[in-house]
Amino acid sequence: MVEKIFLEEVIPAREYTSLVLHRGEILRVIDLEGKQAADLVAFNATDKGEKLSCVYSNLLNGTWKLTKGHTLYSNRARPMFSIIEDKVGLHYSGGGFCSEEINFLRFNVRNTRNCADNLTLAFKPHGIQRQDFDFDCCFNIFMNLTFQPDGSMKLQEPLSKPGDYIDLKSEMDCTIAISNCPQDRNPCNGFNPTPLQIKVFGLIS
C-alpha cells in the first residue's frame, strides 16, 4: 500500500485550521516539536446535528484511554473515526476546550488566545457557529489529563515527542476544525505552544 496525499499543512503555534475529510481518508496530526496539544471538533459534513461525542466514544469503547484500535463515535452512536495508528497512546477524551471565560476564572487574565475562539473562527467558512459545538464534541489530541485513584484529575505535559502522530480514518464525510492549543499558563503544551502539522491521505494498492 502507498499513500496518496491530498493535503499537507503546518498549523502555526496558537493558530487553527479546518477541512472536509471524506469517508476513507486518513487525517494524521503530527506534533512537530513535542509536548503540544490539539483540540479537534468534528461534524457530519452534511448534517451539523451529528457531531463527535466523547461521552459515547468512552462508553462504547469501555475506556477513556482511546488509542489505536478504538473508534470515535458521534452523538448518534455512529462511527466517525477509527484510530488506526497512535505513536503517543495518551489523549484526553473527557471533552472541553479552553475559552476566554475559563482562562479568566483560572488565571485572572483577559483577552487570551483560546481554543473556543480558534474553533469558532475555523468553522466560520463552513457555516458552523459557536452555539453548534459543545464540550462533548472536542477530542483533545496529545493532552495528558488523567484521572487519579482518589478521583482527582492531574494535568501534565504531553508525552508526545517530536514527530509523534495519530492517524484518524474517517468513517463518514466530516467537517473538522483543529485548534493548535494556545494555552501557555498550564502544562498542557509544556508552557510553550509550538507548531503542528496535518496530513490528509488515502492508501492505495
Protein backbone atom coordinates (compact mmCIF):
# COMPACT_ATOMS: atom_id res chain seq x y z
CA MET A 1 0.00 0.00 0.00
CA VAL A 2 1.20 3.52 -0.82
CA GLU A 3 -0.03 6.89 0.41
CA LYS A 4 -1.87 9.28 -1.90
CA ILE A 5 -1.55 12.68 -0.22
CA PHE A 6 -4.46 15.12 -0.55
CA LEU A 7 -3.37 17.83 1.88
CA GLU A 8 -0.34 18.83 3.93
CA GLU A 9 -0.40 21.87 6.19
CA VAL A 10 1.56 23.29 9.11
CA ILE A 11 -0.60 24.92 11.77
CA PRO A 12 1.50 27.65 13.43
CA ALA A 13 1.64 27.89 17.21
CA ARG A 14 -1.66 29.19 18.68
CA GLU A 15 -3.45 29.02 15.30
CA TYR A 16 -6.16 26.85 13.72
CA THR A 17 -7.43 25.23 10.55
CA SER A 18 -10.47 23.45 9.14
CA LEU A 19 -11.08 20.89 6.42
CA VAL A 20 -13.54 18.41 4.98
CA LEU A 21 -12.42 14.80 5.39
CA HIS A 22 -14.13 12.30 3.11
CA ARG A 23 -15.02 8.78 4.12
CA GLY A 24 -11.97 6.51 3.91
CA GLU A 25 -9.46 9.35 4.04
CA ILE A 26 -6.94 9.47 6.89
CA LEU A 27 -6.10 12.53 8.94
CA ARG A 28 -2.64 12.48 10.51
CA VAL A 29 -1.93 15.02 13.27
CA ILE A 30 1.80 15.38 13.85
CA ASP A 31 3.48 17.01 16.84
CA LEU A 32 6.49 18.66 15.20
CA GLU A 33 8.42 19.72 18.31
CA GLY A 34 6.76 17.65 21.05
CA LYS A 35 4.51 18.39 24.03
CA GLN A 36 1.79 20.16 22.02
CA ALA A 37 -1.95 19.52 22.35
CA ALA A 38 -4.59 19.92 19.65
CA ASP A 39 -8.34 20.30 20.07
CA LEU A 40 -10.32 18.53 17.35
CA VAL A 41 -14.07 19.05 16.78
CA ALA A 42 -15.94 17.20 14.03
CA PHE A 43 -19.40 17.26 12.42
CA ASN A 44 -21.13 15.11 9.83
CA ALA A 45 -20.38 17.10 6.67
CA THR A 46 -24.00 17.01 5.50
CA ASP A 47 -25.79 17.30 8.87
CA LYS A 48 -24.38 19.50 11.59
CA GLY A 49 -26.83 17.96 14.05
CA GLU A 50 -24.50 14.95 14.12
CA LYS A 51 -21.15 15.57 15.77
CA LEU A 52 -18.36 13.82 17.61
CA SER A 53 -19.21 12.64 21.13
CA CYS A 54 -16.50 11.93 23.70
CA VAL A 55 -19.09 10.58 26.13
CA TYR A 56 -20.38 7.99 23.65
CA SER A 57 -16.84 7.19 22.48
CA ASN A 58 -15.73 6.39 26.03
CA LEU A 59 -18.91 4.46 26.79
CA LEU A 60 -18.91 2.35 23.63
CA ASN A 61 -15.19 1.57 23.82
CA GLY A 62 -15.37 0.86 27.56
CA THR A 63 -12.38 3.12 28.29
CA TRP A 64 -11.33 6.77 28.41
CA LYS A 65 -7.86 5.86 27.10
CA LEU A 66 -8.75 5.96 23.42
CA THR A 67 -5.91 4.84 21.17
CA LYS A 68 -5.09 2.54 18.23
CA GLY A 69 -7.88 0.04 17.62
CA HIS A 70 -10.61 2.22 19.13
CA THR A 71 -13.43 4.06 17.37
CA LEU A 72 -14.63 7.62 17.92
CA TYR A 73 -18.42 7.81 17.78
CA SER A 74 -20.93 10.54 17.03
CA ASN A 75 -23.76 11.74 19.27
CA ARG A 76 -25.96 9.33 17.29
CA ALA A 77 -23.70 6.41 18.24
CA ARG A 78 -22.37 6.01 14.70
CA PRO A 79 -18.65 5.56 13.93
CA MET A 80 -16.95 8.80 12.89
CA PHE A 81 -13.26 7.86 13.06
CA SER A 82 -11.17 4.75 13.50
CA ILE A 83 -7.84 5.30 15.26
CA ILE A 84 -5.58 3.25 13.01
CA GLU A 85 -2.21 4.42 14.36
CA ASP A 86 -1.10 6.22 17.51
CA LYS A 87 2.51 6.88 18.45
CA VAL A 88 1.63 8.51 21.78
CA GLY A 89 -1.17 6.44 23.29
CA LEU A 90 -2.47 9.09 25.68
CA HIS A 91 -5.06 11.72 24.79
CA TYR A 92 -7.93 13.30 26.70
CA SER A 93 -11.43 12.22 25.77
CA GLY A 94 -13.36 13.96 28.54
CA GLY A 95 -14.28 16.81 26.23
CA GLY A 96 -13.77 20.53 26.65
CA PHE A 97 -11.56 23.35 25.45
CA CYS A 98 -10.04 26.50 26.89
CA SER A 99 -12.03 29.71 26.50
CA GLU A 100 -11.91 33.37 27.44
CA GLU A 101 -14.21 32.69 30.40
CA ILE A 102 -12.34 29.74 31.85
CA ASN A 103 -8.96 31.43 31.36
CA PHE A 104 -10.19 34.41 33.37
CA LEU A 105 -11.59 32.18 36.10
CA ARG A 106 -8.42 30.08 36.38
CA PHE A 107 -5.70 32.64 35.71
CA ASN A 108 -7.35 36.05 36.24
CA VAL A 109 -6.36 37.30 32.79
CA ARG A 110 -8.47 38.81 30.00
CA ASN A 111 -8.31 38.68 26.21
CA THR A 112 -6.30 35.46 25.98
CA ARG A 113 -5.91 33.33 22.88
CA ASN A 114 -8.05 30.23 23.41
CA CYS A 115 -9.37 27.15 21.67
CA ALA A 116 -13.04 28.18 21.77
CA ASP A 117 -12.27 31.29 19.71
CA ASN A 118 -9.91 29.36 17.42
CA LEU A 119 -12.54 26.71 16.70
CA THR A 120 -15.21 29.36 16.08
CA LEU A 121 -13.01 31.12 13.51
CA ALA A 122 -12.01 27.81 11.89
CA PHE A 123 -15.62 26.72 11.41
CA LYS A 124 -16.87 30.09 10.12
CA PRO A 125 -16.29 29.28 6.40
CA HIS A 126 -18.40 26.12 6.84
CA GLY A 127 -21.43 27.89 8.33
CA ILE A 128 -20.91 26.31 11.76
CA GLN A 129 -21.29 28.73 14.68
CA ARG A 130 -20.13 28.72 18.29
CA GLN A 131 -23.52 27.55 19.56
CA ASP A 132 -23.34 24.49 17.28
CA PHE A 133 -20.43 22.83 19.11
CA ASP A 134 -20.06 21.98 22.77
CA PHE A 135 -17.55 20.42 25.15
CA ASP A 136 -18.60 16.84 24.35
CA CYS A 137 -17.59 17.03 20.68
CA CYS A 138 -13.96 18.02 21.35
CA PHE A 139 -11.23 15.36 21.37
CA ASN A 140 -8.01 16.65 22.96
CA ILE A 141 -5.19 15.08 20.95
CA PHE A 142 -1.93 14.55 22.85
CA MET A 143 -3.35 16.15 26.02
CA ASN A 144 -2.11 14.48 29.21
CA LEU A 145 -5.02 14.93 31.61
CA THR A 146 -5.57 11.78 33.63
CA PHE A 147 -7.85 10.51 36.38
CA GLN A 148 -6.16 9.55 39.64
CA PRO A 149 -7.17 6.70 42.02
CA ASP A 150 -8.50 9.21 44.56
CA GLY A 151 -10.86 10.70 41.95
CA SER A 152 -8.78 13.80 41.25
CA MET A 153 -7.60 14.90 37.81
CA LYS A 154 -3.95 15.58 37.01
CA LEU A 155 -2.80 17.78 34.12
CA GLN A 156 0.77 17.19 32.97
CA GLU A 157 2.91 17.90 29.94
CA PRO A 158 2.04 15.75 26.89
CA LEU A 159 4.01 12.57 26.33
CA SER A 160 4.39 13.31 22.62
CA LYS A 161 7.90 13.65 21.22
CA PRO A 162 8.95 15.46 18.02
CA GLY A 163 7.44 13.63 15.06
CA ASP A 164 4.87 11.62 17.03
CA TYR A 165 1.43 11.39 15.43
CA ILE A 166 -2.06 9.94 15.50
CA ASP A 167 -3.97 8.67 12.42
CA LEU A 168 -7.75 9.02 12.27
CA LYS A 169 -9.53 7.22 9.42
CA SER A 170 -12.84 8.87 8.61
CA GLU A 171 -15.88 6.58 8.66
CA MET A 172 -18.16 9.31 7.21
CA ASP A 173 -17.72 12.61 5.41
CA CYS A 174 -16.75 15.06 8.17
CA THR A 175 -16.20 18.77 8.61
CA ILE A 176 -13.32 19.20 11.05
CA ALA A 177 -11.78 22.12 12.91
CA ILE A 178 -8.48 21.89 14.76
CA SER A 179 -7.17 24.39 17.28
CA ASN A 180 -3.43 24.24 17.88
CA CYS A 181 -3.93 24.96 21.56
CA PRO A 182 -2.56 28.41 22.52
CA GLN A 183 -2.60 27.79 26.28
CA ASP A 184 0.67 28.86 27.93
CA ARG A 185 -0.43 29.14 31.57
CA ASN A 186 -0.56 25.43 32.38
CA PRO A 187 1.44 22.34 31.31
CA CYS A 188 -0.94 21.13 28.58
CA ASN A 189 1.55 22.43 25.96
CA GLY A 190 4.64 22.34 28.14
CA PHE A 191 4.05 26.09 28.79
CA ASN A 192 5.31 26.73 25.25
CA PRO A 193 2.88 26.44 22.29
CA THR A 194 4.56 25.13 19.15
CA PRO A 195 3.52 24.23 15.55
CA LEU A 196 1.65 21.13 14.47
CA GLN A 197 1.37 19.53 11.07
CA ILE A 198 -1.60 17.78 9.50
CA LYS A 199 -1.65 15.46 6.54
CA VAL A 200 -4.68 14.00 4.74
CA PHE A 201 -4.05 10.91 2.67
CA GLY A 202 -5.52 7.70 1.33
CA LEU A 203 -4.00 4.25 0.98
CA ILE A 204 -3.93 2.67 -2.44
CA SER A 205 -2.56 -0.66 -3.62
